[in-house]
Amino acid sequence: MSLSLYHALTKPPAPGAPLVFAFHGTGGDEHQFSQFVDEILPGAGLVSPRGDVSEHGALRFFRRTGEGVYDMDDLALRTGRMVAFIEAHKEANPGHPVYAFGYSNGANILASVAFTRPDLFDRVALLHPLIAWTPDANPGLAGKDILITAGRRDPICPPKQTAALISWLEGQKAGVSAELHDGGHEIRQQEVAALQAFLTDPEHSS
């Protein structure tokens, strides 16, 4: 059954509350962002899957052959698997807005899903994504609320590629906002504040 394609931490949403998908970074797990979601959206539902790829013991959502060098066949396979997983949880919680955010490797698998199936989400936040491929154009991204956060000195996700991603999304006519800090790959407080505002702001479409 697609609901159980991934081991995941789950909580049903309260009436009228959003369903939030949270994707951990390399070496994290399904608990990485659970407390954060509970604190900023107390009634929200949660689906936080555990990556099913091990890289020297560190959990990830797809394989790579080097830093920033992705196994694109594996990414395509696991993107399809994640689409089925998200679809199943969305269908199990009808009528709820669907928000999603991910950090680092979690942002990359979420981006891959959102590029192909933007209809699955109402809001998408990508924290320190590294999109090392050119996605296919998708008119379904038009008007989609997307937040990008990054560090200007991030050695893993170079600013040039962050800028290219923002430009590509704007070219798809997505509603892109960005929060950049002067640090590296770490998540800083201003990013947390930006993510909280993005997920709770009633002005964003749902």
C-alpha atoms as a PDB file:
ATOM      1  CA  MET A   1       0.000   0.000   0.000  1.00  0.00           C
ATOM      2  CA  SER A   2       1.355   3.445  -0.961  1.00  0.00           C
ATOM      3  CA  LEU A   3       0.723   4.842   2.531  1.00  0.00           C
ATOM      4  CA  SER A   4       3.469   2.596   3.853  1.00  0.00           C
ATOM      5  CA  LEU A   5       6.065   2.980   1.084  1.00  0.00           C
ATOM      6  CA  TYR A   6       8.242   4.811   3.615  1.00  0.00           C
ATOM      7  CA  HIS A   7       8.698   4.459   7.333  1.00  0.00           C
ATOM      8  CA  ALA A   8       7.263   7.772   8.525  1.00  0.00           C
ATOM      9  CA  LEU A   9       6.282   9.766  11.569  1.00  0.00           C
ATOM     10  CA  THR A  10       2.638  10.716  11.061  1.00  0.00           C
ATOM     11  CA  LYS A  11      -0.055  12.687  12.853  1.00  0.00           C
ATOM     12  CA  PRO A  12      -3.555  13.395  11.491  1.00  0.00           C
ATOM     13  CA  PRO A  13      -4.527  17.048  11.008  1.00  0.00           C
ATOM     14  CA  ALA A  14      -7.169  18.724  13.153  1.00  0.00           C
ATOM     15  CA  PRO A  15     -10.297  19.918  11.326  1.00  0.00           C
ATOM     16  CA  GLY A  16      -9.375  22.724   8.938  1.00  0.00           C
ATOM     17  CA  ALA A  17      -5.643  22.428   9.643  1.00  0.00           C
ATOM     18  CA  PRO A  18      -3.010  21.748   6.973  1.00  0.00           C
ATOM     19  CA  LEU A  19      -1.218  18.478   6.331  1.00  0.00           C
ATOM     20  CA  VAL A  20       2.545  19.117   6.420  1.00  0.00           C
ATOM     21  CA  PHE A  21       5.157  16.917   4.736  1.00  0.00           C
ATOM     22  CA  ALA A  22       8.660  17.346   6.210  1.00  0.00           C
ATOM     23  CA  PHE A  23      11.808  15.949   4.564  1.00  0.00           C
ATOM     24  CA  HIS A  24      15.041  15.617   6.538  1.00  0.00           C
ATOM     25  CA  GLY A  25      18.560  16.291   5.319  1.00  0.00           C
ATOM     26  CA  THR A  26      21.342  13.735   4.805  1.00  0.00           C
ATOM     27  CA  GLY A  27      22.022  12.032   8.116  1.00  0.00           C
ATOM     28  CA  GLY A  28      18.721  13.149   9.642  1.00  0.00           C
ATOM     29  CA  ASP A  29      15.593  11.115  10.196  1.00  0.00           C
ATOM     30  CA  GLU A  30      11.836  11.446  10.482  1.00  0.00           C
ATOM     31  CA  HIS A  31      12.131  13.267  13.826  1.00  0.00           C
ATOM     32  CA  GLN A  32      14.351  16.132  12.565  1.00  0.00           C
ATOM     33  CA  PHE A  33      11.525  18.650  12.084  1.00  0.00           C
ATOM     34  CA  SER A  34       8.621  17.142  14.025  1.00  0.00           C
ATOM     35  CA  GLN A  35       8.965  19.458  17.037  1.00  0.00           C
ATOM     36  CA  PHE A  36       9.223  22.486  14.760  1.00  0.00           C
ATOM     37  CA  VAL A  37       5.940  21.621  13.027  1.00  0.00           C
ATOM     38  CA  ASP A  38       4.231  20.985  16.372  1.00  0.00           C
ATOM     39  CA  GLU A  39       5.365  24.377  17.675  1.00  0.00           C
ATOM     40  CA  ILE A  40       4.417  26.564  14.720  1.00  0.00           C
ATOM     41  CA  LEU A  41       1.292  24.708  13.561  1.00  0.00           C
ATOM     42  CA  PRO A  42      -0.059  22.880  16.625  1.00  0.00           C
ATOM     43  CA  GLY A  43      -3.109  21.426  14.872  1.00  0.00           C
ATOM     44  CA  ALA A  44      -1.349  20.502  11.677  1.00  0.00           C
ATOM     45  CA  GLY A  45      -1.048  16.963  10.458  1.00  0.00           C
ATOM     46  CA  LEU A  46       2.446  15.636   9.866  1.00  0.00           C
ATOM     47  CA  VAL A  47       3.945  13.167   7.441  1.00  0.00           C
ATOM     48  CA  SER A  48       7.698  12.952   7.915  1.00  0.00           C
ATOM     49  CA  PRO A  49       9.220  10.081   5.917  1.00  0.00           C
ATOM     50  CA  ARG A  50      12.571   8.493   6.662  1.00  0.00           C
ATOM     51  CA  GLY A  51      14.988   8.356   3.743  1.00  0.00           C
ATOM     52  CA  ASP A  52      15.479   4.790   2.537  1.00  0.00           C
ATOM     53  CA  VAL A  53      18.952   5.195   1.040  1.00  0.00           C
ATOM     54  CA  SER A  54      22.023   4.758   3.247  1.00  0.00           C
ATOM     55  CA  GLU A  55      25.220   6.587   2.351  1.00  0.00           C
ATOM     56  CA  HIS A  56      27.863   5.212   4.737  1.00  0.00           C
ATOM     57  CA  GLY A  57      25.135   5.014   7.382  1.00  0.00           C
ATOM     58  CA  ALA A  58      23.631   8.443   6.701  1.00  0.00           C
ATOM     59  CA  LEU A  59      20.017   8.344   5.554  1.00  0.00           C
ATOM     60  CA  ARG A  60      19.097  10.007   2.242  1.00  0.00           C
ATOM     61  CA  PHE A  61      16.202   9.970  -0.224  1.00  0.00           C
ATOM     62  CA  PHE A  62      18.180   9.078  -3.371  1.00  0.00           C
ATOM     63  CA  ARG A  63      21.641   7.989  -4.399  1.00  0.00           C
ATOM     64  CA  ARG A  64      24.535  10.104  -5.561  1.00  0.00           C
ATOM     65  CA  THR A  65      27.962   9.259  -6.925  1.00  0.00           C
ATOM     66  CA  GLY A  66      29.729  12.297  -5.474  1.00  0.00           C
ATOM     67  CA  GLU A  67      29.074  15.704  -3.919  1.00  0.00           C
ATOM     68  CA  GLY A  68      26.485  17.338  -6.169  1.00  0.00           C
ATOM     69  CA  VAL A  69      26.600  14.422  -8.646  1.00  0.00           C
ATOM     70  CA  TYR A  70      23.283  12.599  -8.625  1.00  0.00           C
ATOM     71  CA  ASP A  71      22.314   9.163  -9.863  1.00  0.00           C
ATOM     72  CA  MET A  72      19.552  10.508 -12.107  1.00  0.00           C
ATOM     73  CA  ASP A  73      18.009   7.098 -12.804  1.00  0.00           C
ATOM     74  CA  ASP A  74      17.731   6.485  -9.075  1.00  0.00           C
ATOM     75  CA  LEU A  75      16.339   9.987  -8.527  1.00  0.00           C
ATOM     76  CA  ALA A  76      13.651   9.367 -11.156  1.00  0.00           C
ATOM     77  CA  LEU A  77      12.735   6.027  -9.571  1.00  0.00           C
ATOM     78  CA  ARG A  78      12.526   7.441  -6.056  1.00  0.00           C
ATOM     79  CA  THR A  79      10.677  10.545  -7.193  1.00  0.00           C
ATOM     80  CA  GLY A  80       7.955   8.290  -8.599  1.00  0.00           C
ATOM     81  CA  ARG A  81       7.883   6.333  -5.357  1.00  0.00           C
ATOM     82  CA  MET A  82       7.588   9.536  -3.312  1.00  0.00           C
ATOM     83  CA  VAL A  83       4.804  10.834  -5.560  1.00  0.00           C
ATOM     84  CA  ALA A  84       2.790   7.682  -4.844  1.00  0.00           C
ATOM     85  CA  PHE A  85       3.459   8.018  -1.102  1.00  0.00           C
ATOM     86  CA  ILE A  86       2.393  11.678  -1.012  1.00  0.00           C
ATOM     87  CA  GLU A  87      -0.680  11.021  -3.151  1.00  0.00           C
ATOM     88  CA  ALA A  88      -1.814   8.282  -0.777  1.00  0.00           C
ATOM     89  CA  HIS A  89      -1.480  10.482   2.308  1.00  0.00           C
ATOM     90  CA  LYS A  90      -3.182  13.385   0.577  1.00  0.00           C
ATOM     91  CA  GLU A  91      -6.102  11.157  -0.433  1.00  0.00           C
ATOM     92  CA  ALA A  92      -6.317   9.869   3.142  1.00  0.00           C
ATOM     93  CA  ASN A  93      -6.725  13.457   4.377  1.00  0.00           C
ATOM     94  CA  PRO A  94      -9.148  15.080   1.920  1.00  0.00           C
ATOM     95  CA  GLY A  95     -10.024  18.746   2.229  1.00  0.00           C
ATOM     96  CA  HIS A  96      -6.825  19.801   4.006  1.00  0.00           C
ATOM     97  CA  PRO A  97      -4.270  22.224   2.531  1.00  0.00           C
ATOM     98  CA  VAL A  98      -0.993  20.420   1.817  1.00  0.00           C
ATOM     99  CA  TYR A  99       2.285  22.110   2.724  1.00  0.00           C
ATOM    100  CA  ALA A 100       5.761  20.634   2.315  1.00  0.00           C
ATOM    101  CA  PHE A 101       9.298  21.615   3.223  1.00  0.00           C
ATOM    102  CA  GLY A 102      12.660  19.901   3.102  1.00  0.00           C
ATOM    103  CA  TYR A 103      16.263  20.621   3.978  1.00  0.00           C
ATOM    104  CA  SER A 104      19.279  19.786   1.803  1.00  0.00           C
ATOM    105  CA  ASN A 105      18.737  16.264   0.404  1.00  0.00           C
ATOM    106  CA  GLY A 106      15.148  16.467   1.637  1.00  0.00           C
ATOM    107  CA  ALA A 107      14.724  19.724  -0.299  1.00  0.00           C
ATOM    108  CA  ASN A 108      16.093  18.025  -3.406  1.00  0.00           C
ATOM    109  CA  ILE A 109      13.661  15.094  -3.382  1.00  0.00           C
ATOM    110  CA  LEU A 110      10.798  17.484  -2.589  1.00  0.00           C
ATOM    111  CA  ALA A 111      11.842  19.744  -5.472  1.00  0.00           C
ATOM    112  CA  SER A 112      11.971  16.773  -7.840  1.00  0.00           C
ATOM    113  CA  VAL A 113       8.444  15.796  -6.812  1.00  0.00           C
ATOM    114  CA  ALA A 114       7.143  19.374  -7.031  1.00  0.00           C
ATOM    115  CA  PHE A 115       8.685  19.913 -10.478  1.00  0.00           C
ATOM    116  CA  THR A 116       6.738  16.957 -11.844  1.00  0.00           C
ATOM    117  CA  ARG A 117       3.579  17.091  -9.690  1.00  0.00           C
ATOM    118  CA  PRO A 118       3.062  20.653  -8.408  1.00  0.00           C
ATOM    119  CA  ASP A 119      -0.643  19.869  -8.022  1.00  0.00           C
ATOM    120  CA  LEU A 120       0.171  17.814  -4.913  1.00  0.00           C
ATOM    121  CA  PHE A 121       1.042  20.898  -2.845  1.00  0.00           C
ATOM    122  CA  ASP A 122      -0.347  24.285  -1.863  1.00  0.00           C
ATOM    123  CA  ARG A 123       2.963  25.589  -0.481  1.00  0.00           C
ATOM    124  CA  VAL A 124       6.525  24.295  -0.905  1.00  0.00           C
ATOM    125  CA  ALA A 125       9.634  25.431   0.995  1.00  0.00           C
ATOM    126  CA  LEU A 126      13.117  24.338  -0.108  1.00  0.00           C
ATOM    127  CA  LEU A 127      15.890  24.893   2.466  1.00  0.00           C
ATOM    128  CA  HIS A 128      19.369  24.785   0.910  1.00  0.00           C
ATOM    129  CA  PRO A 129      18.381  22.884  -2.236  1.00  0.00           C
ATOM    130  CA  LEU A 130      20.969  21.842  -4.827  1.00  0.00           C
ATOM    131  CA  ILE A 131      19.225  21.205  -8.124  1.00  0.00           C
ATOM    132  CA  ALA A 132      22.039  19.736 -10.212  1.00  0.00           C
ATOM    133  CA  TRP A 133      19.896  19.175 -13.291  1.00  0.00           C
ATOM    134  CA  THR A 134      17.683  21.247 -15.593  1.00  0.00           C
ATOM    135  CA  PRO A 135      14.058  20.378 -14.856  1.00  0.00           C
ATOM    136  CA  ASP A 136      11.468  20.071 -17.589  1.00  0.00           C
ATOM    137  CA  ALA A 137       9.128  23.045 -17.872  1.00  0.00           C
ATOM    138  CA  ASN A 138       5.784  22.539 -16.124  1.00  0.00           C
ATOM    139  CA  PRO A 139       2.921  25.046 -16.509  1.00  0.00           C
ATOM    140  CA  GLY A 140       1.417  23.621 -13.320  1.00  0.00           C
ATOM    141  CA  LEU A 141       4.023  25.574 -11.324  1.00  0.00           C
ATOM    142  CA  ALA A 142       2.418  28.887 -12.316  1.00  0.00           C
ATOM    143  CA  GLY A 143       1.167  30.671  -9.205  1.00  0.00           C
ATOM    144  CA  LYS A 144       2.550  28.007  -6.845  1.00  0.00           C
ATOM    145  CA  ASP A 145       3.850  29.444  -3.549  1.00  0.00           C
ATOM    146  CA  ILE A 146       7.509  28.456  -3.157  1.00  0.00           C
ATOM    147  CA  LEU A 147      10.057  29.609  -0.556  1.00  0.00           C
ATOM    148  CA  ILE A 148      13.789  29.154  -1.140  1.00  0.00           C
ATOM    149  CA  THR A 149      16.314  29.611   1.692  1.00  0.00           C
ATOM    150  CA  ALA A 150      20.082  29.400   1.356  1.00  0.00           C
ATOM    151  CA  GLY A 151      23.467  30.559   2.624  1.00  0.00           C
ATOM    152  CA  ARG A 152      25.598  32.885   0.522  1.00  0.00           C
ATOM    153  CA  ARG A 153      28.714  30.976   1.604  1.00  0.00           C
ATOM    154  CA  ASP A 154      27.249  27.482   1.336  1.00  0.00           C
ATOM    155  CA  PRO A 155      29.988  25.167  -0.013  1.00  0.00           C
ATOM    156  CA  ILE A 156      27.474  22.391  -0.733  1.00  0.00           C
ATOM    157  CA  CYS A 157      24.793  24.465  -2.466  1.00  0.00           C
ATOM    158  CA  PRO A 158      26.646  27.262  -4.328  1.00  0.00           C
ATOM    159  CA  PRO A 159      24.816  30.619  -4.528  1.00  0.00           C
ATOM    160  CA  LYS A 160      25.037  30.559  -8.332  1.00  0.00           C
ATOM    161  CA  GLN A 161      22.908  27.420  -8.442  1.00  0.00           C
ATOM    162  CA  THR A 162      20.442  28.826  -5.919  1.00  0.00           C
ATOM    163  CA  ALA A 163      20.069  31.897  -8.144  1.00  0.00           C
ATOM    164  CA  ALA A 164      19.602  29.655 -11.189  1.00  0.00           C
ATOM    165  CA  LEU A 165      16.841  27.719  -9.403  1.00  0.00           C
ATOM    166  CA  ILE A 166      15.038  30.914  -8.394  1.00  0.00           C
ATOM    167  CA  SER A 167      15.319  32.201 -11.973  1.00  0.00           C
ATOM    168  CA  TRP A 168      13.985  28.918 -13.385  1.00  0.00           C
ATOM    169  CA  LEU A 169      11.013  28.911 -11.010  1.00  0.00           C
ATOM    170  CA  GLU A 170      10.244  32.526 -11.847  1.00  0.00           C
ATOM    171  CA  GLY A 171      10.348  31.490 -15.495  1.00  0.00           C
ATOM    172  CA  GLN A 172       7.634  28.956 -14.667  1.00  0.00           C
ATOM    173  CA  LYS A 173       5.653  31.859 -13.171  1.00  0.00           C
ATOM    174  CA  ALA A 174       5.767  30.375  -9.666  1.00  0.00           C
ATOM    175  CA  GLY A 175       5.253  32.736  -6.723  1.00  0.00           C
ATOM    176  CA  VAL A 176       8.841  32.594  -5.435  1.00  0.00           C
ATOM    177  CA  SER A 177      10.163  34.195  -2.261  1.00  0.00           C
ATOM    178  CA  ALA A 178      13.723  33.847  -0.983  1.00  0.00           C
ATOM    179  CA  GLU A 179      15.536  34.169   2.338  1.00  0.00           C
ATOM    180  CA  LEU A 180      19.332  34.270   2.075  1.00  0.00           C
ATOM    181  CA  HIS A 181      21.838  34.585   4.911  1.00  0.00           C
ATOM    182  CA  ASP A 182      25.585  35.158   4.976  1.00  0.00           C
ATOM    183  CA  GLY A 183      26.459  31.725   6.368  1.00  0.00           C
ATOM    184  CA  GLY A 184      26.956  28.269   4.922  1.00  0.00           C
ATOM    185  CA  HIS A 185      24.868  25.107   4.824  1.00  0.00           C
ATOM    186  CA  GLU A 186      23.481  25.462   8.342  1.00  0.00           C
ATOM    187  CA  ILE A 187      19.892  26.515   9.013  1.00  0.00           C
ATOM    188  CA  ARG A 188      19.913  29.918  10.716  1.00  0.00           C
ATOM    189  CA  GLN A 189      17.227  31.555  12.830  1.00  0.00           C
ATOM    190  CA  GLN A 190      16.156  33.953  10.076  1.00  0.00           C
ATOM    191  CA  GLU A 191      15.412  30.952   7.875  1.00  0.00           C
ATOM    192  CA  VAL A 192      13.320  29.388  10.614  1.00  0.00           C
ATOM    193  CA  ALA A 193      11.415  32.680  10.966  1.00  0.00           C
ATOM    194  CA  ALA A 194      10.903  32.886   7.201  1.00  0.00           C
ATOM    195  CA  LEU A 195       9.680  29.287   7.052  1.00  0.00           C
ATOM    196  CA  GLN A 196       7.310  29.864   9.971  1.00  0.00           C
ATOM    197  CA  ALA A 197       5.882  32.967   8.293  1.00  0.00           C
ATOM    198  CA  PHE A 198       5.542  31.135   4.983  1.00  0.00           C
ATOM    199  CA  LEU A 199       3.665  28.198   6.511  1.00  0.00           C
ATOM    200  CA  THR A 200       1.374  30.270   8.740  1.00  0.00           C
ATOM    201  CA  ASP A 201       0.700  33.402   6.667  1.00  0.00           C
ATOM    202  CA  PRO A 202      -2.987  33.461   5.694  1.00  0.00           C
ATOM    203  CA  GLU A 203      -2.144  35.758   2.773  1.00  0.00           C
ATOM    204  CA  HIS A 204      -0.534  32.885   0.877  1.00  0.00           C
ATOM    205  CA  SER A 205      -2.882  30.931  -1.328  1.00  0.00           C
ATOM    206  CA  SER A 206      -4.076  27.556  -0.054  1.00  0.00           C
END
